[in-house]
Amino acid sequence: MNYELLTIGGTDYKTTLTEKFKNRRPWQKPVYNRVVLQMPGKITKIFITPGQQIKPGDRLFVYEAMKMRNVIYAQTSGTIKTINVSEGEDVGKNFVLAEME
């Protein structure tokens, strides 16, 4: 068996790695001035308007995915710059719902 070296938190491990693991997308720091949908779904309610001031914890959107209703809350404060979706619209994974300043 071909073992490879994997370093996690400063500790080295000798292991086998799958092709899927080797070809994975590297982690990227989140961009907090954009609201991105993490899974495909249908937008059922929009609580914000362009120019509106928001703060952490404010409700932004409600969407339905996999027969579940989910609420998206603000992670940071700012002003809504654009909203790229409308109620009733089906959107895909990684779709940018709104942008903030």
C-alpha atoms as a PDB file:
ATOM      1  CA  MET A   1       0.000   0.000   0.000  1.00  0.00           C
ATOM      2  CA  ASN A   2       1.166   3.528  -0.740  1.00  0.00           C
ATOM      3  CA  TYR A   3       1.027   5.676   2.348  1.00  0.00           C
ATOM      4  CA  GLU A   4       1.159   9.455   2.225  1.00  0.00           C
ATOM      5  CA  LEU A   5       1.902  12.050   4.852  1.00  0.00           C
ATOM      6  CA  LEU A   6      -1.071  14.126   6.084  1.00  0.00           C
ATOM      7  CA  THR A   7      -0.492  16.992   8.520  1.00  0.00           C
ATOM      8  CA  ILE A   8      -3.393  18.109  10.719  1.00  0.00           C
ATOM      9  CA  GLY A   9      -2.853  20.721  13.413  1.00  0.00           C
ATOM     10  CA  GLY A  10       0.907  20.244  13.378  1.00  0.00           C
ATOM     11  CA  THR A  11       0.689  16.458  13.786  1.00  0.00           C
ATOM     12  CA  ASP A  12       1.850  14.196  10.947  1.00  0.00           C
ATOM     13  CA  TYR A  13      -0.144  11.079  10.035  1.00  0.00           C
ATOM     14  CA  LYS A  14       0.851   8.318   7.645  1.00  0.00           C
ATOM     15  CA  THR A  15      -2.310   7.272   5.765  1.00  0.00           C
ATOM     16  CA  THR A  16      -3.885   6.490   2.416  1.00  0.00           C
ATOM     17  CA  LEU A  17      -5.770   9.276   0.663  1.00  0.00           C
ATOM     18  CA  THR A  18      -8.661   8.865  -1.788  1.00  0.00           C
ATOM     19  CA  GLU A  19      -8.694  10.648  -5.141  1.00  0.00           C
ATOM     20  CA  LYS A  20     -11.764  12.578  -3.977  1.00  0.00           C
ATOM     21  CA  PHE A  21      -9.808  13.882  -0.978  1.00  0.00           C
ATOM     22  CA  LYS A  22      -6.795  14.799  -3.123  1.00  0.00           C
ATOM     23  CA  ASN A  23      -8.981  16.705  -5.630  1.00  0.00           C
ATOM     24  CA  ARG A  24     -11.089  18.551  -3.042  1.00  0.00           C
ATOM     25  CA  ARG A  25     -11.498  22.304  -3.206  1.00  0.00           C
ATOM     26  CA  PRO A  26      -9.261  24.095  -0.702  1.00  0.00           C
ATOM     27  CA  TRP A  27     -10.921  25.930   2.176  1.00  0.00           C
ATOM     28  CA  GLN A  28     -11.594  29.612   1.536  1.00  0.00           C
ATOM     29  CA  LYS A  29     -12.219  32.301   4.093  1.00  0.00           C
ATOM     30  CA  PRO A  30     -15.935  33.284   4.117  1.00  0.00           C
ATOM     31  CA  VAL A  31     -16.905  36.563   2.464  1.00  0.00           C
ATOM     32  CA  TYR A  32     -19.240  38.301   4.908  1.00  0.00           C
ATOM     33  CA  ASN A  33     -20.459  41.024   2.550  1.00  0.00           C
ATOM     34  CA  ARG A  34     -22.355  38.447   0.454  1.00  0.00           C
ATOM     35  CA  VAL A  35     -25.267  36.194   1.413  1.00  0.00           C
ATOM     36  CA  VAL A  36     -24.745  32.864  -0.365  1.00  0.00           C
ATOM     37  CA  LEU A  37     -27.172  29.945  -0.466  1.00  0.00           C
ATOM     38  CA  GLN A  38     -25.448  26.727   0.640  1.00  0.00           C
ATOM     39  CA  MET A  39     -27.879  24.288  -1.034  1.00  0.00           C
ATOM     40  CA  PRO A  40     -30.417  24.513  -3.867  1.00  0.00           C
ATOM     41  CA  GLY A  41     -33.817  25.751  -2.778  1.00  0.00           C
ATOM     42  CA  LYS A  42     -36.810  27.992  -3.337  1.00  0.00           C
ATOM     43  CA  ILE A  43     -36.926  31.480  -1.815  1.00  0.00           C
ATOM     44  CA  THR A  44     -40.259  31.842  -0.028  1.00  0.00           C
ATOM     45  CA  LYS A  45     -39.842  35.121   1.893  1.00  0.00           C
ATOM     46  CA  ILE A  46     -37.543  38.155   1.685  1.00  0.00           C
ATOM     47  CA  PHE A  47     -37.306  40.367   4.778  1.00  0.00           C
ATOM     48  CA  ILE A  48     -34.862  42.990   3.435  1.00  0.00           C
ATOM     49  CA  THR A  49     -34.812  45.806   0.890  1.00  0.00           C
ATOM     50  CA  PRO A  50     -31.903  47.581  -0.824  1.00  0.00           C
ATOM     51  CA  GLY A  51     -30.496  50.371   1.343  1.00  0.00           C
ATOM     52  CA  GLN A  52     -31.728  48.776   4.575  1.00  0.00           C
ATOM     53  CA  GLN A  53     -29.376  48.697   7.573  1.00  0.00           C
ATOM     54  CA  ILE A  54     -28.979  45.241   9.126  1.00  0.00           C
ATOM     55  CA  LYS A  55     -27.222  43.878  12.192  1.00  0.00           C
ATOM     56  CA  PRO A  56     -26.146  40.348  13.200  1.00  0.00           C
ATOM     57  CA  GLY A  57     -29.140  38.108  13.878  1.00  0.00           C
ATOM     58  CA  ASP A  58     -31.595  39.958  11.605  1.00  0.00           C
ATOM     59  CA  ARG A  59     -33.718  37.681   9.402  1.00  0.00           C
ATOM     60  CA  LEU A  60     -32.859  38.069   5.723  1.00  0.00           C
ATOM     61  CA  PHE A  61     -34.527  35.237   3.791  1.00  0.00           C
ATOM     62  CA  VAL A  62     -36.622  32.099   4.190  1.00  0.00           C
ATOM     63  CA  TYR A  63     -36.046  29.272   1.736  1.00  0.00           C
ATOM     64  CA  GLU A  64     -37.297  25.717   1.317  1.00  0.00           C
ATOM     65  CA  ALA A  65     -34.855  22.922   0.557  1.00  0.00           C
ATOM     66  CA  MET A  66     -35.344  19.164   0.872  1.00  0.00           C
ATOM     67  CA  LYS A  67     -38.863  19.682   2.303  1.00  0.00           C
ATOM     68  CA  MET A  68     -37.530  21.853   5.127  1.00  0.00           C
ATOM     69  CA  ARG A  69     -38.017  25.565   5.713  1.00  0.00           C
ATOM     70  CA  ASN A  70     -34.802  27.402   6.588  1.00  0.00           C
ATOM     71  CA  VAL A  71     -34.159  30.968   7.725  1.00  0.00           C
ATOM     72  CA  ILE A  72     -31.015  32.859   6.748  1.00  0.00           C
ATOM     73  CA  TYR A  73     -29.824  35.342   9.367  1.00  0.00           C
ATOM     74  CA  ALA A  74     -27.308  38.173   9.011  1.00  0.00           C
ATOM     75  CA  GLN A  75     -23.810  37.289  10.211  1.00  0.00           C
ATOM     76  CA  THR A  76     -22.525  40.862  10.239  1.00  0.00           C
ATOM     77  CA  SER A  77     -23.853  44.400  10.184  1.00  0.00           C
ATOM     78  CA  GLY A  78     -24.022  46.547   7.079  1.00  0.00           C
ATOM     79  CA  THR A  79     -26.245  48.072   4.422  1.00  0.00           C
ATOM     80  CA  ILE A  80     -27.987  45.945   1.791  1.00  0.00           C
ATOM     81  CA  LYS A  81     -26.543  46.920  -1.585  1.00  0.00           C
ATOM     82  CA  THR A  82     -28.346  44.521  -3.962  1.00  0.00           C
ATOM     83  CA  ILE A  83     -30.840  41.658  -3.795  1.00  0.00           C
ATOM     84  CA  ASN A  84     -30.367  39.164  -6.628  1.00  0.00           C
ATOM     85  CA  VAL A  85     -33.468  37.023  -6.072  1.00  0.00           C
ATOM     86  CA  SER A  86     -37.240  37.371  -5.784  1.00  0.00           C
ATOM     87  CA  GLU A  87     -39.845  35.455  -3.783  1.00  0.00           C
ATOM     88  CA  GLY A  88     -40.851  32.167  -5.398  1.00  0.00           C
ATOM     89  CA  GLU A  89     -37.603  31.837  -7.335  1.00  0.00           C
ATOM     90  CA  ASP A  90     -35.669  28.544  -7.408  1.00  0.00           C
ATOM     91  CA  VAL A  91     -31.943  29.072  -6.961  1.00  0.00           C
ATOM     92  CA  GLY A  92     -28.921  26.780  -7.047  1.00  0.00           C
ATOM     93  CA  LYS A  93     -26.110  26.042  -4.661  1.00  0.00           C
ATOM     94  CA  ASN A  94     -23.645  28.918  -4.092  1.00  0.00           C
ATOM     95  CA  PHE A  95     -26.071  31.480  -5.551  1.00  0.00           C
ATOM     96  CA  VAL A  96     -25.408  35.001  -4.219  1.00  0.00           C
ATOM     97  CA  LEU A  97     -28.754  36.110  -2.783  1.00  0.00           C
ATOM     98  CA  ALA A  98     -27.678  39.591  -1.658  1.00  0.00           C
ATOM     99  CA  GLU A  99     -24.645  41.822  -1.328  1.00  0.00           C
ATOM    100  CA  MET A 100     -23.852  44.296   1.449  1.00  0.00           C
ATOM    101  CA  GLU A 101     -21.630  47.344   1.852  1.00  0.00           C
END
